[in-house]
N, C-alpha and C. Protein backbone atom coordinates (compact mmCIF):
# COMPACT_ATOMS: atom_id res chain seq x y z
N UNK A 1 3.58 11.31 4.11
CA UNK A 1 3.76 9.94 4.62
C UNK A 1 2.73 9.00 3.98
N UNK A 2 1.56 9.52 3.73
CA UNK A 2 0.51 8.68 3.15
C UNK A 2 0.91 8.21 1.75
N UNK A 3 1.39 9.15 0.95
CA UNK A 3 1.79 8.80 -0.42
C UNK A 3 2.96 7.84 -0.43
N UNK A 4 4.00 8.18 0.33
CA UNK A 4 5.20 7.35 0.36
C UNK A 4 4.89 5.97 0.95
N UNK A 5 4.23 5.95 2.08
CA UNK A 5 3.93 4.68 2.75
C UNK A 5 2.98 3.85 1.88
N UNK A 6 2.01 4.50 1.29
CA UNK A 6 1.05 3.78 0.45
C UNK A 6 1.72 3.11 -0.73
N UNK A 7 2.59 3.84 -1.40
CA UNK A 7 3.28 3.29 -2.57
C UNK A 7 4.24 2.18 -2.16
N UNK A 8 5.01 2.43 -1.11
CA UNK A 8 5.97 1.43 -0.65
C UNK A 8 5.26 0.17 -0.17
N UNK A 9 4.22 0.35 0.59
CA UNK A 9 3.47 -0.80 1.10
C UNK A 9 2.85 -1.59 -0.05
N UNK A 10 2.26 -0.86 -0.98
CA UNK A 10 1.61 -1.54 -2.11
C UNK A 10 2.63 -2.31 -2.92
N UNK A 11 3.83 -1.77 -3.04
CA UNK A 11 4.85 -2.41 -3.87
C UNK A 11 5.37 -3.70 -3.22
N UNK A 12 5.63 -3.64 -1.93
CA UNK A 12 6.21 -4.82 -1.26
C UNK A 12 5.13 -5.71 -0.68
N UNK A 13 4.04 -5.14 -0.22
CA UNK A 13 2.98 -5.96 0.38
C UNK A 13 1.63 -5.63 -0.24
N UNK A 14 1.61 -5.53 -1.55
CA UNK A 14 0.37 -5.17 -2.21
C UNK A 14 -0.56 -6.37 -2.27
N UNK A 15 -0.07 -7.51 -1.82
CA UNK A 15 -0.87 -8.73 -1.82
C UNK A 15 -1.96 -8.64 -0.75
N UNK A 16 -1.54 -8.32 0.47
CA UNK A 16 -2.51 -8.22 1.56
C UNK A 16 -2.93 -6.77 1.76
N UNK A 17 -1.98 -5.84 1.57
CA UNK A 17 -2.30 -4.42 1.77
C UNK A 17 -3.13 -3.88 0.61
N UNK A 18 -2.92 -4.43 -0.56
CA UNK A 18 -3.64 -3.96 -1.74
C UNK A 18 -5.12 -4.28 -1.63
N UNK A 19 -5.43 -5.40 -0.98
CA UNK A 19 -6.84 -5.80 -0.86
C UNK A 19 -7.48 -5.08 0.32
N UNK A 20 -6.72 -4.94 1.39
CA UNK A 20 -7.26 -4.28 2.58
C UNK A 20 -7.35 -2.77 2.37
N UNK A 21 -6.21 -2.11 2.29
CA UNK A 21 -6.22 -0.67 2.03
C UNK A 21 -5.53 -0.38 0.71
N UNK A 22 -6.30 -0.14 -0.34
CA UNK A 22 -5.78 0.12 -1.69
C UNK A 22 -4.75 1.24 -1.73
N UNK A 23 -5.16 2.41 -2.24
CA UNK A 23 -4.19 3.51 -2.36
C UNK A 23 -4.17 4.34 -1.09
N UNK A 24 -5.30 4.40 -0.41
CA UNK A 24 -5.36 5.22 0.81
C UNK A 24 -4.50 4.54 1.86
């Protein structure tokens, strides 16, 4: 779930999620 959620989140919301929680 971490890998899938991390990649999906970063792709669609990497603007706010990328700064807050990078790959983890």
